[in-house]
Each structure stands twice: as C-alpha cells, then as structure tokens.
Protein backbone atom coordinates (compact mmCIF):
# COMPACT_ATOMS: atom_id res chain seq x y z
CA MET A 1 107.44 75.12 149.76
CA LYS A 2 109.05 78.57 149.94
CA ALA A 3 112.29 77.08 151.36
CA HIS A 4 112.33 74.48 148.57
CA PHE A 5 111.99 77.22 145.92
CA ILE A 6 114.81 79.24 147.50
CA CYS A 7 117.12 76.19 147.50
CA ILE A 8 116.42 75.56 143.81
CA LEU A 9 117.01 79.24 143.02
CA ILE A 10 120.35 79.22 144.87
CA LEU A 11 121.45 76.07 143.02
CA ALA A 12 120.48 77.58 139.67
CA ILE A 13 122.36 80.80 140.36
CA SER A 14 125.45 78.97 141.60
CA SER A 15 125.51 76.71 138.53
CA LEU A 16 125.37 79.79 136.29
CA SER A 17 128.35 81.29 138.06
CA LEU A 18 130.41 78.13 137.34
CA ALA A 19 130.05 78.60 133.57
CA ARG A 20 133.12 80.21 132.04
CA LYS A 21 133.73 82.23 128.92
CA ILE A 22 136.88 80.93 127.25
CA GLU A 23 138.60 83.34 124.84
CA PHE A 24 140.30 81.34 122.09
CA HIS A 25 142.74 82.66 119.50
CA PHE A 26 144.44 80.34 117.02
CA GLU A 27 148.19 80.44 117.52
CA ASN A 28 148.88 79.18 113.99
CA LEU A 29 146.86 80.65 111.11
CA ASN A 30 148.48 78.50 108.42
CA ASP A 31 146.17 76.41 106.26
CA GLY A 32 145.49 73.05 107.87
CA SER A 33 146.65 74.00 111.36
CA PHE A 34 145.08 72.03 114.20
CA GLU A 35 144.57 73.22 117.77
CA THR A 36 142.69 72.03 120.86
CA VAL A 37 140.54 73.63 123.52
CA THR A 38 139.03 71.98 126.61
CA CYS A 39 135.89 73.24 128.33
CA GLN A 40 133.23 72.17 130.81
CA VAL A 41 129.59 71.58 129.90
CA GLY A 42 127.93 74.99 130.25
CA ASP A 43 131.02 76.97 129.22
CA GLN A 44 131.11 79.26 126.22
CA ILE A 45 134.10 79.42 123.87
CA GLU A 46 134.70 82.63 121.95
CA VAL A 47 136.82 82.13 118.83
CA HIS A 48 138.23 85.34 117.34
CA LEU A 49 139.46 85.45 113.73
CA ALA A 50 140.60 88.39 111.58
CA GLU A 51 138.37 88.94 108.56
CA ASN A 52 138.20 91.52 105.79
CA PRO A 53 134.90 91.55 103.85
CA ALA A 54 136.48 93.82 101.23
CA THR A 55 138.29 90.70 99.96
CA ASP A 56 134.97 88.80 99.49
CA PHE A 57 136.30 86.18 101.94
CA LYS A 58 134.44 85.18 105.09
CA TRP A 59 134.91 82.70 107.96
CA LEU A 60 132.35 79.92 108.29
CA ILE A 61 132.03 76.58 110.08
CA PRO A 62 130.83 73.77 107.77
CA GLU A 63 129.94 71.50 110.73
CA GLU A 64 127.49 74.12 111.96
CA LYS A 65 126.04 74.85 108.50
CA GLU A 66 125.53 71.13 107.83
CA GLY A 67 124.31 70.22 111.35
CA PHE A 68 127.27 67.96 112.21
CA ASN A 69 127.70 69.50 115.67
CA SER A 70 126.40 67.35 118.52
CA ILE A 71 128.15 68.65 121.67
CA TRP A 72 127.98 72.40 120.98
CA THR A 73 125.62 74.99 119.54
CA MET A 74 126.34 78.35 117.95
CA GLY A 75 125.70 81.35 120.13
CA ASP A 76 126.36 84.81 118.78
CA ASP A 77 128.14 85.01 115.42
CA LYS A 78 129.27 88.59 114.81
CA TYR A 79 131.70 90.76 112.91
CA ASP A 80 133.20 93.91 114.41
CA GLU A 81 134.91 96.29 112.01
CA LEU A 82 138.20 97.87 113.01
CA PRO A 83 138.74 101.59 112.36
CA PRO A 84 139.97 102.15 108.77
CA THR A 85 143.63 102.91 108.17
CA GLY A 86 143.86 105.56 105.47
CA LYS A 87 141.51 105.08 102.54
CA GLN A 88 141.21 101.30 102.86
CA SER A 89 139.22 99.19 105.27
CA SER A 90 141.45 97.41 107.74
CA GLY A 91 138.91 94.64 108.15
CA GLY A 92 137.78 93.46 111.51
CA ILE A 93 137.29 90.54 113.88
CA HIS A 94 134.76 87.75 113.39
CA THR A 95 133.72 86.26 116.73
CA PHE A 96 132.04 82.88 116.99
CA GLN A 97 130.47 82.00 120.35
CA LEU A 98 130.23 78.26 120.82
CA ASN A 99 128.13 76.91 123.69
CA CYS A 100 129.44 73.66 125.21
CA ASP A 101 126.16 71.80 125.73
CA TYR A 102 127.22 68.17 126.16
CA ALA A 103 130.30 66.16 127.14
CA GLY A 104 132.40 64.73 124.33
CA THR A 105 134.97 65.61 121.69
CA GLU A 106 134.36 67.07 118.23
CA HIS A 107 136.42 68.60 115.47
CA LEU A 108 135.41 71.91 113.92
CA THR A 109 136.68 73.40 110.69
CA PHE A 110 136.92 77.17 110.35
CA VAL A 111 137.05 77.93 106.62
CA TYR A 112 138.13 81.31 105.26
CA GLY A 113 136.95 81.51 101.70
CA LYS A 114 134.40 82.86 99.24
CA PRO A 115 130.91 81.98 100.52
CA GLU A 116 129.49 81.71 96.99
CA LEU A 117 131.78 78.69 96.44
CA TYR A 118 130.60 76.87 99.57
CA GLY A 119 128.05 74.75 97.68
CA ARG A 120 130.77 73.36 95.42
CA ALA A 121 133.07 72.67 98.39
CA ILE A 122 130.37 70.84 100.39
CA ALA A 123 129.38 68.79 97.32
CA GLU A 124 133.02 67.67 97.00
CA PHE A 125 133.08 66.89 100.72
CA LYS A 126 129.99 64.69 100.45
CA LYS A 127 131.54 62.87 97.47
CA GLU A 128 135.13 62.53 98.72
CA GLY A 129 134.80 62.78 102.52
CA VAL A 130 137.29 65.65 102.79
CA PHE A 131 136.47 69.36 102.96
CA ASN A 132 138.94 71.20 100.72
CA ALA A 133 139.08 74.92 101.53
CA LEU A 134 140.99 75.53 98.31
CA THR A 135 137.71 74.89 96.48
CA MET A 136 136.51 78.11 98.13
CA GLY A 137 139.79 79.84 97.27
CA GLY A 138 140.80 79.92 100.90
CA LYS A 139 142.19 78.05 103.85
CA ALA A 140 140.95 76.01 106.81
CA LEU A 141 141.84 75.87 110.49
CA GLN A 142 140.78 72.96 112.64
CA LEU A 143 139.79 73.04 116.28
CA ARG A 144 139.19 70.02 118.52
CA ILE A 145 136.78 70.81 121.35
CA THR A 146 136.73 68.50 124.34
CA SER A 147 133.85 69.23 126.68
CA LEU A 148 133.92 67.65 130.14
CA ARG A 149 131.17 67.21 132.73
C-alpha cells in the first residue's frame, strides 16, 4: 500500500512539473487584430496588456463574463500599476491568467473599453451576433487558443 501511494505521489508531482506558464504579449494592438497561441492541457497562459484606469477604460473578456469558455478557466486577473511619470499616472499592466483545462480551440476577445457600456455592447452582440468594441468606446483584440493533450 505504501509503495502504491509513493508511485501515485511521484506521478502527480511529475505531471505538475510538465505544466508550463506561457507568457503572451500581443504583437499587434490595432483594433481587430487576431493572434494565436498553442498550449498543452494543464498549461497556464499569462496575457499582459497595458491599461490606464485614469482613462476610465479597462480590459475585459466577454467570453469569460458570459460563460462562453469551455476549454479554459480564468485564474488570477490582476492589475499592477507602473510608477507615475511626473504628475500623471503612467497606467500599468493588466495580467489575465488563463488555465488550459481541456483540449480544443476557442477564440477569446479582449475588449478595451468603458465597463459601464458593457451591458449595451453585450445586448447588441446577442441581437446581431457580433461584439462591437466601439459600442464601449474602445477596441478589441482576438486570441485563438489551441490546447492540446
């Protein structure tokens, strides 16, 4: 019994060491840009995006807010402020940690806009089938995640 437990413990520890943290930075920050990342089940993708709360704009992921994600779950979602330059805030970095839970491919939309306009934007999406970031006064970046076994 003790040997069986030790084997299971070794397998569990070795499977944890195979999980990777993938740092992802969009190369193109223009509205509508589309990029791809590939991961393995168990990996974690960290997406880093510049954000300045002083502008009343914030990054969000509609697929996560609406529950449209089926191969990934949100881990930590945090904002780290950069040191101010002069009298003004220089903003910071918003980091989304996405856990690759299942194999498959999904598209995510990162929207930079005014959160108070999200309800209007999602209502238009449900009516028209297209999420328009301009409704939130902002822009959208798209990411295709392919998670492999």
